[in-house]
Protein backbone atom coordinates (compact mmCIF):
# COMPACT_ATOMS: atom_id res chain seq x y z
CA UNK A 1 165.96 60.29 77.66
CA UNK A 2 163.24 62.13 76.18
CA UNK A 3 165.61 64.72 74.35
CA UNK A 4 167.53 61.15 72.81
CA UNK A 5 164.02 59.75 72.02
CA UNK A 6 163.09 63.11 70.16
CA UNK A 7 166.35 62.82 68.02
CA UNK A 8 166.02 59.46 67.02
CA UNK A 9 162.53 59.36 65.85
CA UNK A 10 161.70 57.42 62.74
CA UNK A 11 160.43 60.57 60.44
CA UNK A 12 164.18 61.49 60.99
CA UNK A 13 165.39 58.81 59.25
CA UNK A 14 162.28 59.02 56.80
CA UNK A 15 163.24 62.80 55.98
CA UNK A 16 167.17 61.29 55.35
CA UNK A 17 165.83 58.78 53.12
CA UNK A 18 165.36 60.51 49.99
CA UNK A 19 168.50 62.88 50.38
CA UNK A 20 170.61 59.50 50.93
CA UNK A 21 168.84 57.78 47.44
CA UNK A 22 169.55 60.75 45.48
CA UNK A 23 172.83 61.34 46.41
CA UNK A 24 173.40 57.37 45.99
CA UNK A 25 171.79 58.05 42.34
CA UNK A 26 173.92 60.98 41.71
CA UNK A 27 177.39 59.15 42.81
CA UNK A 28 176.24 55.95 40.71
CA UNK A 29 175.72 58.43 37.47
CA UNK A 30 178.78 60.29 38.18
CA UNK A 31 180.71 57.11 38.49
CA UNK A 32 178.74 55.49 35.47
CA UNK A 33 180.22 58.53 33.66
CA UNK A 34 183.46 58.17 34.50
CA UNK A 35 183.51 54.30 33.34
CA UNK A 36 182.16 55.56 29.89
CA UNK A 37 185.06 58.00 29.38
CA UNK A 38 187.44 55.43 30.54
CA UNK A 39 186.23 52.63 28.56
CA UNK A 40 185.94 54.86 25.52
CA UNK A 41 189.12 55.84 25.91
CA UNK A 42 190.35 52.35 25.91
CA UNK A 43 188.62 51.32 23.04
CA UNK A 44 190.12 54.21 21.09
CA UNK A 45 193.53 53.06 21.84
CA UNK A 46 192.68 49.51 20.83
CA UNK A 47 191.07 50.68 17.53
CA UNK A 48 194.21 52.57 17.11
CA UNK A 49 196.16 49.27 17.68
CA UNK A 50 194.37 47.44 15.33
CA UNK A 51 195.06 50.33 12.67
CA UNK A 52 198.83 49.89 13.21
CA UNK A 53 198.81 46.44 12.61
CA UNK A 54 196.66 46.87 9.53
CA UNK A 55 198.93 49.71 8.16
CA UNK A 56 201.62 47.23 8.53
CA UNK A 57 200.04 44.52 7.14
CA UNK A 58 198.84 45.91 4.00
CA UNK A 59 202.40 47.97 3.52
CA UNK A 60 204.17 44.60 3.68
CA UNK A 61 202.29 42.90 1.10
CA UNK A 62 202.64 45.82 -1.32
CA UNK A 63 206.19 45.54 -0.65
CA UNK A 64 206.09 42.09 -1.90
CA UNK A 65 204.02 42.87 -4.77
CA UNK A 66 206.13 45.60 -5.75
CA UNK A 67 209.62 43.33 -5.80
CA UNK A 68 207.38 40.53 -7.65
CA UNK A 69 206.53 42.76 -10.16
CA UNK A 70 210.34 43.85 -10.68
CA UNK A 71 211.59 40.29 -10.82
CA UNK A 72 208.99 39.68 -13.53
CA UNK A 73 210.13 42.66 -15.44
CA UNK A 74 213.82 41.82 -15.22
CA UNK A 75 212.80 38.03 -16.19
CA UNK A 76 211.10 39.62 -19.35
CA UNK A 77 213.80 42.11 -20.43
CA UNK A 78 216.57 39.49 -19.82
CA UNK A 79 215.18 37.89 -23.47
CA UNK A 80 212.07 39.68 -24.43
CA UNK A 81 210.63 36.21 -24.50
CA UNK A 82 207.05 35.87 -23.53
CA UNK A 83 207.11 32.13 -22.57
CA UNK A 84 209.49 32.70 -19.80
CA UNK A 85 207.34 35.28 -18.69
CA UNK A 86 204.20 33.53 -18.35
CA UNK A 87 205.86 30.61 -16.65
CA UNK A 88 207.48 32.39 -13.90
CA UNK A 89 203.89 34.68 -13.31
CA UNK A 90 201.58 31.23 -13.58
CA UNK A 91 204.15 29.93 -10.94
CA UNK A 92 203.53 32.67 -8.70
CA UNK A 93 200.07 32.61 -9.19
CA UNK A 94 199.59 29.35 -8.14
CA UNK A 95 202.09 29.72 -5.15
CA UNK A 96 200.29 32.64 -3.37
CA UNK A 97 196.30 32.17 -2.99
CA UNK A 98 196.12 36.32 -2.51
CA UNK A 99 196.74 36.80 -6.33
CA UNK A 100 194.17 36.47 -9.08
CA UNK A 101 196.20 37.43 -12.73
CA UNK A 102 199.36 38.23 -13.44
CA UNK A 103 199.77 39.61 -16.77
CA UNK A 104 202.06 42.26 -19.18
CA UNK A 105 201.01 44.58 -22.00
CA UNK A 106 203.57 44.83 -24.28
CA UNK A 107 205.18 47.80 -26.29
CA UNK A 108 203.21 46.29 -29.25
CA UNK A 109 199.72 46.61 -27.20
CA UNK A 110 199.48 42.73 -26.86
CA UNK A 111 197.76 41.54 -23.47
CA UNK A 112 199.39 38.25 -22.00
CA UNK A 113 198.56 36.90 -18.91
CA UNK A 114 198.19 33.90 -16.64
CA UNK A 115 195.73 30.94 -17.22
CA UNK A 116 196.26 31.33 -20.87
CA UNK A 117 194.45 35.23 -21.07
CA UNK A 118 195.56 37.24 -24.61
CA UNK A 119 193.88 40.23 -25.76
CA UNK A 120 195.19 42.36 -28.41
CA UNK A 121 191.98 44.51 -29.05
CA UNK A 122 193.52 48.00 -27.78
CA UNK A 123 189.96 49.48 -27.04
CA UNK A 124 189.60 46.53 -24.78
CA UNK A 125 192.72 46.77 -22.97
CA UNK A 126 192.37 50.61 -22.43
CA UNK A 127 189.01 50.13 -21.03
CA UNK A 128 190.51 47.94 -18.02
CA UNK A 129 190.37 49.62 -14.78
CA UNK A 130 194.38 49.20 -14.31
CA UNK A 131 195.12 51.14 -17.76
CA UNK A 132 196.49 54.79 -17.22
CA UNK A 133 197.99 56.85 -19.21
CA UNK A 134 199.71 58.83 -16.73
CA UNK A 135 201.78 56.28 -15.34
CA UNK A 136 205.58 56.91 -14.71
CA UNK A 137 208.63 54.42 -13.65
CA UNK A 138 209.30 55.86 -10.65
CA UNK A 139 205.84 55.01 -8.73
CA UNK A 140 203.39 51.96 -9.33
CA UNK A 141 200.17 52.71 -10.22
CA UNK A 142 197.25 51.33 -7.80
CA UNK A 143 193.80 51.08 -9.53
CA UNK A 144 190.50 51.14 -8.00
CA UNK A 145 188.28 48.73 -6.58
CA UNK A 146 187.08 46.08 -9.60
CA UNK A 147 186.21 42.91 -10.34
CA UNK A 148 188.43 40.47 -12.37
CA UNK A 149 187.37 39.43 -15.67
CA UNK A 150 188.51 35.78 -15.00
CA UNK A 151 187.58 35.18 -11.43
CA UNK A 152 184.68 37.44 -10.95
CA UNK A 153 186.52 38.07 -7.41
CA UNK A 154 186.84 42.00 -5.93
CA UNK A 155 190.27 42.97 -6.75
CA UNK A 156 192.63 46.38 -7.35
CA UNK A 157 195.70 45.79 -9.54
CA UNK A 158 199.15 47.08 -8.88
CA UNK A 159 200.84 48.05 -12.36
CA UNK A 160 204.68 48.94 -12.80
CA UNK A 161 205.91 50.88 -15.98
CA UNK A 162 209.05 49.00 -17.48
CA UNK A 163 211.42 50.48 -19.56
CA UNK A 164 212.82 48.15 -22.51
CA UNK A 165 216.41 48.61 -24.19
CA UNK A 166 215.01 50.08 -27.17
CA UNK A 167 213.49 52.77 -25.88
CA UNK A 168 209.75 51.55 -25.43
CA UNK A 169 207.68 50.55 -22.31
CA UNK A 170 205.77 47.88 -21.46
CA UNK A 171 203.16 47.50 -18.01
CA UNK A 172 203.52 44.21 -15.85
CA UNK A 173 200.14 44.11 -14.06
CA UNK A 174 199.37 41.91 -10.95
CA UNK A 175 195.76 41.67 -9.44
CA UNK A 176 195.35 41.30 -5.87
CA UNK A 177 192.47 39.47 -4.22
CA UNK A 178 190.78 41.65 -1.57
CA UNK A 179 188.76 38.85 0.01
CA UNK A 180 192.08 36.87 0.61
CA UNK A 181 193.97 40.02 1.88
CA UNK A 182 191.10 40.81 4.09
CA UNK A 183 191.23 37.27 5.62
CA UNK A 184 193.48 37.96 8.40
CA UNK A 185 192.47 41.37 9.12
CA UNK A 186 188.82 40.16 9.81
CA UNK A 187 190.66 38.79 13.13
CA UNK A 188 191.24 42.36 14.55
CA UNK A 189 188.15 43.07 16.77
CA UNK A 190 187.79 45.77 19.11
CA UNK A 191 185.38 45.23 22.25
CA UNK A 192 182.98 42.73 20.88
CA UNK A 193 181.70 43.53 17.42
CA UNK A 194 184.07 46.32 16.14
CA UNK A 195 186.34 45.26 12.90
CA UNK A 196 188.39 46.71 10.66
CA UNK A 197 187.35 47.80 6.83
CA UNK A 198 188.88 50.03 4.49
CA UNK A 199 187.42 52.91 2.13
CA UNK A 200 189.13 54.37 -1.29
CA UNK A 201 190.19 57.69 -1.11
CA UNK A 202 189.39 58.39 -4.59
CA UNK A 203 185.75 57.00 -5.10
CA UNK A 204 184.50 56.77 -1.49
CA UNK A 205 183.70 52.95 -1.81
CA UNK A 206 184.06 50.56 0.52
CA UNK A 207 187.05 48.03 -0.35
CA UNK A 208 187.32 45.78 2.63
CA UNK A 209 184.51 44.61 5.24
CA UNK A 210 183.38 41.65 7.01
CA UNK A 211 180.22 41.57 5.03
CA UNK A 212 181.09 41.33 1.43
CA UNK A 213 177.80 42.50 0.01
CA UNK A 214 179.16 45.77 1.25
CA UNK A 215 182.55 45.77 -0.77
CA UNK A 216 181.76 48.62 -3.53
CA UNK A 217 179.18 50.07 -2.06
CA UNK A 218 179.32 53.78 -0.69
CA UNK A 219 180.51 54.27 2.76
CA UNK A 220 178.09 55.51 5.38
CA UNK A 221 180.82 56.36 7.55
CA UNK A 222 183.16 58.11 5.40
CA UNK A 223 180.50 60.67 3.77
CA UNK A 224 181.23 62.97 0.68
CA UNK A 225 182.14 65.82 2.86
CA UNK A 226 184.60 63.93 5.33
CA UNK A 227 186.34 62.35 2.11
CA UNK A 228 186.82 65.52 0.64
CA UNK A 229 188.49 67.11 3.94
CA UNK A 230 190.99 64.03 4.47
CA UNK A 231 191.86 64.32 0.70
CA UNK A 232 192.49 68.13 1.12
CA UNK A 233 194.18 67.15 4.53
CA UNK A 234 191.76 69.65 6.31
CA UNK A 235 190.81 67.00 8.68
CA UNK A 236 191.31 67.55 12.17
CA UNK A 237 189.74 64.79 14.43
CA UNK A 238 190.58 61.39 13.57
CA UNK A 239 187.37 59.95 14.75
CA UNK A 240 183.64 59.81 12.57
CA UNK A 241 180.71 59.58 14.50
CA UNK A 242 177.46 57.73 12.59
CA UNK A 243 174.42 55.76 12.62
CA UNK A 244 174.21 52.43 10.73
CA UNK A 245 171.57 50.21 11.05
CA UNK A 246 170.07 52.15 13.75
CA UNK A 247 173.54 51.77 15.81
CA UNK A 248 175.45 54.35 16.81
CA UNK A 249 178.98 53.59 16.06
CA UNK A 250 182.74 55.53 16.00
CA UNK A 251 185.34 54.83 13.68
CA UNK A 252 188.84 55.74 14.24
CA UNK A 253 190.46 56.09 10.95
CA UNK A 254 194.02 56.67 9.42
CA UNK A 255 195.20 57.25 5.73
CA UNK A 256 198.88 56.50 5.93
CA UNK A 257 199.32 53.34 3.81
CA UNK A 258 200.39 52.41 0.10
CA UNK A 259 197.24 51.42 -1.41
CA UNK A 260 195.57 55.02 -1.38
CA UNK A 261 193.02 53.56 1.07
CA UNK A 262 191.55 55.16 4.33
CA UNK A 263 191.64 52.23 6.98
CA UNK A 264 188.64 52.37 9.79
CA UNK A 265 188.72 50.57 12.88
CA UNK A 266 185.03 51.04 14.23
CA UNK A 267 183.34 50.42 17.71
CA UNK A 268 179.36 50.08 18.61
CA UNK A 269 178.28 52.85 21.27
CA UNK A 270 176.10 49.98 22.18
CA UNK A 271 179.37 47.40 23.25
CA UNK A 272 180.61 50.18 25.09
CA UNK A 273 177.70 51.26 26.92
CA UNK A 274 177.12 47.24 27.84
CA UNK A 275 180.69 47.34 29.44
CA UNK A 276 179.83 50.43 31.70
CA UNK A 277 175.95 49.08 32.23
CA UNK A 278 176.91 45.76 32.83
CA UNK A 279 178.55 46.64 36.08
CA UNK A 280 175.80 49.50 37.00
CA UNK A 281 173.10 46.82 36.37
CA UNK A 282 174.32 44.63 39.48
CA UNK A 283 175.22 48.20 41.28
CA UNK A 284 171.33 49.46 40.61
CA UNK A 285 170.38 46.05 42.22
CA UNK A 286 172.01 46.63 45.52
CA UNK A 287 170.99 50.04 45.95
CA UNK A 288 169.57 49.46 49.22
CA UNK A 289 173.37 48.57 50.63
CA UNK A 290 175.57 51.49 50.22
CA UNK A 291 178.86 49.58 51.39
CA UNK A 292 178.02 47.26 48.17
CA UNK A 293 176.94 49.56 45.52
CA UNK A 294 180.67 51.60 46.57
CA UNK A 295 182.17 48.20 46.22
CA UNK A 296 180.72 47.23 43.23
CA UNK A 297 181.82 50.43 41.58
CA UNK A 298 185.13 50.21 42.87
CA UNK A 299 185.61 46.74 41.32
CA UNK A 300 184.10 47.89 38.22
CA UNK A 301 186.93 50.87 37.70
CA UNK A 302 189.55 48.35 38.82
CA UNK A 303 188.75 46.12 36.31
CA UNK A 304 188.59 48.53 33.48
CA UNK A 305 191.91 50.04 34.52
CA UNK A 306 193.71 46.44 34.25
CA UNK A 307 191.54 45.80 31.32
CA UNK A 308 193.36 48.76 29.68
CA UNK A 309 196.90 47.60 31.05
CA UNK A 310 195.98 43.98 29.40
CA UNK A 311 194.40 45.44 25.94
CA UNK A 312 197.74 47.22 25.64
CA UNK A 313 199.79 44.64 26.19
CA UNK A 314 201.62 43.12 23.11
CA UNK A 315 204.00 40.20 24.95
CA UNK A 316 202.60 36.94 26.36
CA UNK A 317 205.19 37.52 29.80
CA UNK A 318 203.32 41.24 30.07
CA UNK A 319 199.95 39.55 29.55
CA UNK A 320 200.64 37.30 32.10
CA UNK A 321 201.50 39.96 34.35
CA UNK A 322 198.70 41.98 33.91
CA UNK A 323 196.41 39.15 34.40
CA UNK A 324 197.97 38.02 37.67
CA UNK A 325 197.38 41.68 38.87
CA UNK A 326 193.76 42.13 37.93
CA UNK A 327 193.06 38.56 39.15
CA UNK A 328 194.62 39.17 42.32
CA UNK A 329 192.12 42.25 42.77
CA UNK A 330 189.16 40.39 42.39
CA UNK A 331 189.54 37.36 44.65
CA UNK A 332 192.22 35.05 46.29
CA UNK A 333 193.79 32.07 44.83
CA UNK A 334 197.44 30.40 44.96
CA UNK A 335 198.43 30.12 41.44
CA UNK A 336 197.55 31.57 37.67
CA UNK A 337 198.37 29.17 34.55
CA UNK A 338 197.84 30.62 31.59
CA UNK A 339 198.16 27.82 28.39
CA UNK A 340 198.57 29.27 25.29
CA UNK A 341 198.19 26.87 22.10
CA UNK A 342 200.80 26.73 19.51
CA UNK A 343 199.98 25.45 16.57
CA UNK A 344 203.24 24.86 15.16
CA UNK A 345 203.62 21.58 17.49
CA UNK A 346 200.22 21.11 18.28
CA UNK A 347 200.56 21.27 22.41
CA UNK A 348 199.50 23.65 24.86
CA UNK A 349 202.24 25.93 26.58
CA UNK A 350 202.65 27.45 29.77
CA UNK A 351 205.76 29.64 29.52
CA UNK A 352 206.06 30.78 33.15
CA UNK A 353 206.25 27.05 34.58
CA UNK A 354 207.49 25.69 31.99
CA UNK A 355 204.51 23.15 31.19
CA UNK A 356 203.19 21.57 27.84
CA UNK A 357 200.13 19.90 27.34
CA UNK A 358 199.00 17.88 24.24
CA UNK A 359 196.11 19.30 22.50
CA UNK A 360 194.05 15.78 22.57
CA UNK A 361 194.30 15.56 25.84
CA UNK A 362 193.23 19.21 26.70
CA UNK A 363 190.07 18.98 24.36
CA UNK A 364 188.78 16.02 25.90
CA UNK A 365 188.90 18.06 29.54
CA UNK A 366 187.10 21.46 28.09
CA UNK A 367 184.23 20.50 26.29
CA UNK A 368 182.44 23.79 26.98
CA UNK A 369 183.31 27.61 26.38
CA UNK A 370 181.94 28.37 29.90
CA UNK A 371 183.72 29.53 32.71
CA UNK A 372 183.55 27.04 35.58
CA UNK A 373 184.49 26.81 39.30
CA UNK A 374 184.60 23.26 40.06
CA UNK A 375 186.80 20.18 41.65
CA UNK A 376 188.55 18.35 38.84
CA UNK A 377 188.69 14.70 39.25
CA UNK A 378 191.79 13.83 37.15
CA UNK A 379 193.34 17.46 36.65
CA UNK A 380 196.36 17.82 33.77
CA UNK A 381 198.05 19.85 36.19
CA UNK A 382 199.95 18.41 39.43
CA UNK A 383 199.84 21.92 40.88
CA UNK A 384 195.68 21.17 41.20
CA UNK A 385 194.71 19.22 43.92
CA UNK A 386 191.37 17.21 43.08
CA UNK A 387 189.54 18.17 46.55
CA UNK A 388 190.04 21.99 45.92
CA UNK A 389 188.21 24.69 44.15
CA UNK A 390 189.72 25.66 40.63
CA UNK A 391 188.62 27.78 38.10
CA UNK A 392 188.87 26.76 34.27
CA UNK A 393 188.77 29.64 31.73
CA UNK A 394 188.74 28.82 28.49
CA UNK A 395 189.88 31.64 25.68
CA UNK A 396 188.22 31.27 22.49
CA UNK A 397 188.39 33.09 18.95
CA UNK A 398 185.95 32.01 16.02
CA UNK A 399 184.77 29.06 18.00
CA UNK A 400 188.59 27.62 18.21
CA UNK A 401 189.91 27.39 21.51
CA UNK A 402 193.34 29.55 21.67
CA UNK A 403 194.44 28.67 25.44
CA UNK A 404 193.15 27.80 28.96
CA UNK A 405 193.64 29.82 32.08
CA UNK A 406 193.64 27.71 35.30
CA UNK A 407 193.37 29.22 38.98
CA UNK A 408 194.05 27.13 41.90
CA UNK A 409 192.56 27.30 45.23
CA UNK A 410 190.47 29.97 44.37
CA UNK A 411 187.33 31.88 46.35
CA UNK A 412 185.62 32.79 42.93
CA UNK A 413 181.88 32.49 43.85
CA UNK A 414 180.56 35.45 41.14
CA UNK A 415 181.32 34.59 37.21
CA UNK A 416 180.29 37.96 36.15
CA UNK A 417 183.20 39.75 36.45
CA UNK A 418 185.28 36.83 35.31
CA UNK A 419 183.23 36.90 32.18
CA UNK A 420 184.30 40.55 31.56
CA UNK A 421 188.07 39.58 32.46
CA UNK A 422 187.65 36.82 29.87
CA UNK A 423 186.82 39.46 27.28
CA UNK A 424 189.73 41.33 28.01
CA UNK A 425 192.24 38.49 28.10
CA UNK A 426 190.62 37.17 25.18
CA UNK A 427 191.21 40.21 23.28
CA UNK A 428 194.77 40.70 24.29
CA UNK A 429 195.67 37.41 23.24
CA UNK A 430 194.21 37.56 19.86
CA UNK A 431 195.72 40.43 19.07
CA UNK A 432 199.56 39.25 20.67
CA UNK A 433 199.21 36.17 18.41
CA UNK A 434 198.18 37.73 15.37
CA UNK A 435 201.19 40.37 15.91
CA UNK A 436 203.39 37.70 16.69
CA UNK A 437 202.11 35.22 13.51
CA UNK A 438 203.05 38.65 11.50
CA UNK A 439 206.30 39.51 12.85
CA UNK A 440 207.66 35.67 13.28
CA UNK A 441 206.79 33.98 9.74
CA UNK A 442 208.49 34.45 6.77
CA UNK A 443 206.32 35.70 4.12
CA UNK A 444 208.11 34.04 1.26
CA UNK A 445 207.93 30.50 2.56
CA UNK A 446 205.65 30.50 5.47
CA UNK A 447 208.30 29.25 7.64
CA UNK A 448 209.38 30.69 10.86
CA UNK A 449 212.12 33.63 10.80
CA UNK A 450 215.37 33.97 12.68
CA UNK A 451 213.56 35.84 15.70
CA UNK A 452 210.80 32.99 16.61
CA UNK A 453 213.87 30.40 15.89
CA UNK A 454 216.04 31.95 18.81
CA UNK A 455 213.20 32.76 21.17
CA UNK A 456 212.04 28.67 21.03
CA UNK A 457 216.02 27.84 21.19
CA UNK A 458 216.01 30.25 24.33
CA UNK A 459 213.04 27.96 26.09
CA UNK A 460 214.83 24.70 25.27
CA UNK A 461 217.80 25.74 26.77
CA UNK A 462 215.99 27.64 29.87
CA UNK A 463 214.07 23.92 30.56
CA UNK A 464 217.10 22.01 29.72
CA UNK A 465 215.84 19.69 27.24
CA UNK A 466 217.99 17.02 26.49
CA UNK A 467 218.28 15.52 22.72
CA UNK A 468 217.67 18.61 21.39
CA UNK A 469 219.73 19.91 18.33
CA UNK A 470 220.20 22.96 15.79
CA UNK A 471 221.08 22.32 12.19
CA UNK A 472 222.07 25.19 10.28
CA UNK A 473 221.25 23.92 6.26
CA UNK A 474 222.91 25.95 3.25
CA UNK A 475 222.09 25.38 -0.48
CA UNK A 476 225.18 24.80 -2.68
CA UNK A 477 226.16 27.25 -5.25
CA UNK A 478 222.97 29.34 -5.28
CA UNK A 479 224.40 32.13 -6.35
CA UNK A 480 225.48 30.44 -9.45
CA UNK A 481 221.90 28.99 -9.99
CA UNK A 482 220.45 32.54 -9.47
CA UNK A 483 223.08 33.92 -12.11
CA UNK A 484 222.30 30.82 -14.58
CA UNK A 485 219.01 30.57 -14.08
CA UNK A 486 217.12 33.77 -12.59
CA UNK A 487 216.29 35.48 -9.28
CA UNK A 488 212.24 33.72 -10.22
CA UNK A 489 213.86 30.31 -10.31
CA UNK A 490 216.09 30.73 -7.17
CA UNK A 491 212.69 31.69 -5.39
CA UNK A 492 211.38 28.58 -6.56
CA UNK A 493 214.51 26.74 -5.25
CA UNK A 494 213.79 28.62 -1.90
CA UNK A 495 210.21 27.62 -1.73
CA UNK A 496 210.75 23.93 -2.99
CA UNK A 497 213.70 23.75 -0.17
CA UNK A 498 211.32 25.12 2.26
CA UNK A 499 208.39 22.67 1.50
CA UNK A 500 210.71 19.75 1.62
CA UNK A 501 212.05 20.82 4.89
CA UNK A 502 208.74 21.32 6.45
CA UNK A 503 207.28 17.93 5.13
CA UNK A 504 210.78 16.21 6.11
CA UNK A 505 210.24 17.15 10.38
CA UNK A 506 207.38 17.02 12.29
CA UNK A 507 205.19 19.28 13.88
CA UNK A 508 207.53 19.39 16.70
CA UNK A 509 210.57 20.77 14.78
CA UNK A 510 210.93 24.65 14.54
CA UNK A 511 211.72 24.90 10.75
CA UNK A 512 213.17 28.58 9.89
CA UNK A 513 214.34 30.57 7.19
CA UNK A 514 217.79 31.95 8.78
CA UNK A 515 218.15 34.58 5.67
CA UNK A 516 218.53 34.34 2.14
CA UNK A 517 219.16 30.74 0.72
CA UNK A 518 220.25 29.53 4.49
CA UNK A 519 217.78 27.71 6.55
CA UNK A 520 217.58 26.20 10.27
CA UNK A 521 215.65 23.55 12.29
CA UNK A 522 215.51 22.90 15.81
CA UNK A 523 214.34 19.70 16.45
CA UNK A 524 214.43 16.51 18.74
CA UNK A 525 216.83 13.05 18.00
CA UNK A 526 217.47 10.18 20.55
CA UNK A 527 220.86 10.58 19.80
CA UNK A 528 223.70 12.46 18.02
CA UNK A 529 224.15 9.64 15.61
CA UNK A 530 220.44 9.55 14.95
CA UNK A 531 220.20 13.41 14.65
CA UNK A 532 223.27 12.45 12.23
CA UNK A 533 221.20 9.99 10.28
CA UNK A 534 218.11 12.23 10.17
CA UNK A 535 219.81 15.42 8.65
CA UNK A 536 221.99 13.06 6.21
CA UNK A 537 218.49 11.64 4.85
CA UNK A 538 217.24 15.25 4.61
CA UNK A 539 220.31 15.69 2.38
CA UNK A 540 220.19 13.02 0.33
CA UNK A 541 216.32 13.48 -0.54
CA UNK A 542 217.56 17.11 -1.76
CA UNK A 543 220.22 15.57 -3.65
CA UNK A 544 217.85 13.53 -5.52
CA UNK A 545 215.04 16.25 -6.20
CA UNK A 546 214.95 17.97 -9.54
CA UNK A 547 213.43 21.73 -9.78
CA UNK A 548 212.21 22.43 -13.52
CA UNK A 549 210.36 24.90 -14.87
CA UNK A 550 209.36 24.61 -18.34
CA UNK A 551 212.85 24.90 -20.53
CA UNK A 552 214.97 24.92 -17.11
CA UNK A 553 215.70 22.37 -14.81
CA UNK A 554 218.10 22.49 -11.66
CA UNK A 555 219.46 19.30 -9.25
CA UNK A 556 220.00 20.64 -5.75
CA UNK A 557 222.23 20.03 -3.10
CA UNK A 558 222.64 21.05 0.52
CA UNK A 559 225.45 21.37 2.87
CA UNK A 560 224.49 20.94 6.89
CA UNK A 561 226.12 21.61 10.11
CA UNK A 562 224.44 20.90 13.15
CA UNK A 563 225.11 21.02 16.96
CA UNK A 564 223.36 19.81 20.46
CA UNK A 565 222.00 22.60 22.33
CA UNK A 566 224.88 24.69 24.25
CA UNK A 567 224.56 26.69 26.93
CA UNK A 568 223.32 29.64 25.28
CA UNK A 569 222.04 30.68 21.75
CA UNK A 570 224.91 32.21 20.50
CA UNK A 571 227.15 29.23 21.68
CA UNK A 572 224.74 27.13 19.94
CA UNK A 573 224.56 28.88 16.59
CA UNK A 574 228.59 29.69 16.80
CA UNK A 575 228.82 25.73 16.91
CA UNK A 576 226.27 24.68 14.08
CA UNK A 577 227.58 27.58 11.70
CA UNK A 578 231.25 26.10 12.27
CA UNK A 579 230.26 22.93 11.22
CA UNK A 580 228.34 24.25 8.30
CA UNK A 581 231.66 26.33 7.37
CA UNK A 582 233.32 23.08 7.13
CA UNK A 583 230.78 21.24 5.16
CA UNK A 584 230.90 24.09 3.06
CA UNK A 585 234.89 24.17 2.34
CA UNK A 586 235.56 20.70 1.80
CA UNK A 587 232.98 19.46 -0.49
CA UNK A 588 229.82 20.46 -0.15
CA UNK A 589 226.73 18.37 0.06
CA UNK A 590 227.69 16.81 3.11
CA UNK A 591 226.70 16.84 7.03
CA UNK A 592 228.91 17.87 9.61
CA UNK A 593 229.03 17.81 13.54
CA UNK A 594 229.82 20.40 15.60
CA UNK A 595 233.38 20.00 16.97
CA UNK A 596 234.10 20.34 21.09
CA UNK A 597 237.00 21.91 22.42
CA UNK A 598 238.44 20.88 25.84
CA UNK A 599 241.32 21.53 27.63
CA UNK A 600 243.58 18.96 28.97
CA UNK A 601 246.29 19.14 32.34
CA UNK A 602 248.90 20.81 30.17
CA UNK A 603 246.38 23.31 29.10
CA UNK A 604 246.27 21.81 25.52
CA UNK A 605 243.22 21.55 23.15
CA UNK A 606 241.78 18.29 22.28
CA UNK A 607 239.32 18.56 19.56
CA UNK A 608 236.45 15.93 19.49
CA UNK A 609 233.88 15.05 17.37
CA UNK A 610 230.64 14.72 19.07
CA UNK A 611 229.16 11.40 18.47
């Protein structure tokens, strides 16, 4: 007993106390450093994803501008009538809010532009930033940043050289609105405060930035030495570390875009440290309990591990799966519901359980942006019982609600980790929705494209939604319109038809441009007879409309074929397309229903109109 007493004396524990504290602190330091490296790598990947989206977005707009300049040039070459050119240019300017001025410098050194701009002073013309003697017809000239003379807004001009039939040349000019072009890119975020911005490779001036006052000022991150290395191709590292407003930051950059800009996506070291020390602060508060510290570090690593997978997800199904795995490692729950707001039908949709909620009732229930664990008296979902604890996690972007996460029968007690979880979920959802919008919308008409239409059709078929119909709509004799009035007038016909389609059908319908002059609409009707009547009303509204452009006038008609939803997307499109073919083959300007083939007892085919 004496020997045992000597071995367990208090001084033995005291002598072990400091080594134990040192061991805990060393362990915490190592784990914190590992967290810092891990989050930094995740931040790099998120910034790189933002750059990829930005490059795709800018290159799409440059391609669209080149196409518009080509069509405007062909319009001028058709009869060398400056009035026709200015009419087309003015219509294009009024239709697109990202354009500031469209003009042409003729072979006689006269400058004509939209909004009645005219200048014949060659010296003044040559002083404009978009004028260059070195321009060729093979590659458009892109100017440096300057302020538009007419609007005083920041702009860059894209100039195409036009070879005329008499051997002389003219220049077609289009000014892009920098702030309008940056509007969607400003939604891309890295961590909490990181953003995308751009620097001109020629001058080192900032051309895009969330703070408009920074535009045209010298970049702090891209120094003259770094700019020289980039232009010479001697840059080896795509990462720039710098200090701005006493904050250390890092930027990932890319120079692969058609505008000749350096695109950068930055993040603050303070944001990265916040991600690390938000976990470390909790751990340090529990130094006296070693098991708790180990548990907190383990949870931290698992959150960031799952958070990295979540931030790299670009499909809703992948985000849902990552969220489920991430939450399952934090606490217990029965079911996870992820509602995402669909602005096209004004509903919050849950794709896994096929549930949709009207936006009004969701806004009535959610009155704050806080993560809450509570008992909901009148739950919107039948799976949520009034007497059980439910976690409600609203997801926001710039004050607007993007979605809501519900966790039923949850054991959640501490909201700290859930807030980190929400940051990852919001970032992933914002990037997914922006990517989805860019990929799902037709840039010319702002209707949805074919891929989005097929996705919505598959969703309705999967839900076995009744009284849903697909209509295929084709502009009659569109080739004749193009050949007679020109491609720009043809574009105006397509845009006019698209606008009438959007206004005729309500927000619950999916209106899309299927390709060329063909459109499609997925809509609900009480019966096929009502669907036929609605489509015929739309056909008559088109028939009575006249599209005019100064000296040009054209009356449109459309042919329509429609079908109720079948067992698959392809079968539905096939039936509606066949109905459209019959409408086009007969008299045009009519609505045809799909035909259903049924086999009788003798194996013969009965053909019936579905009425």
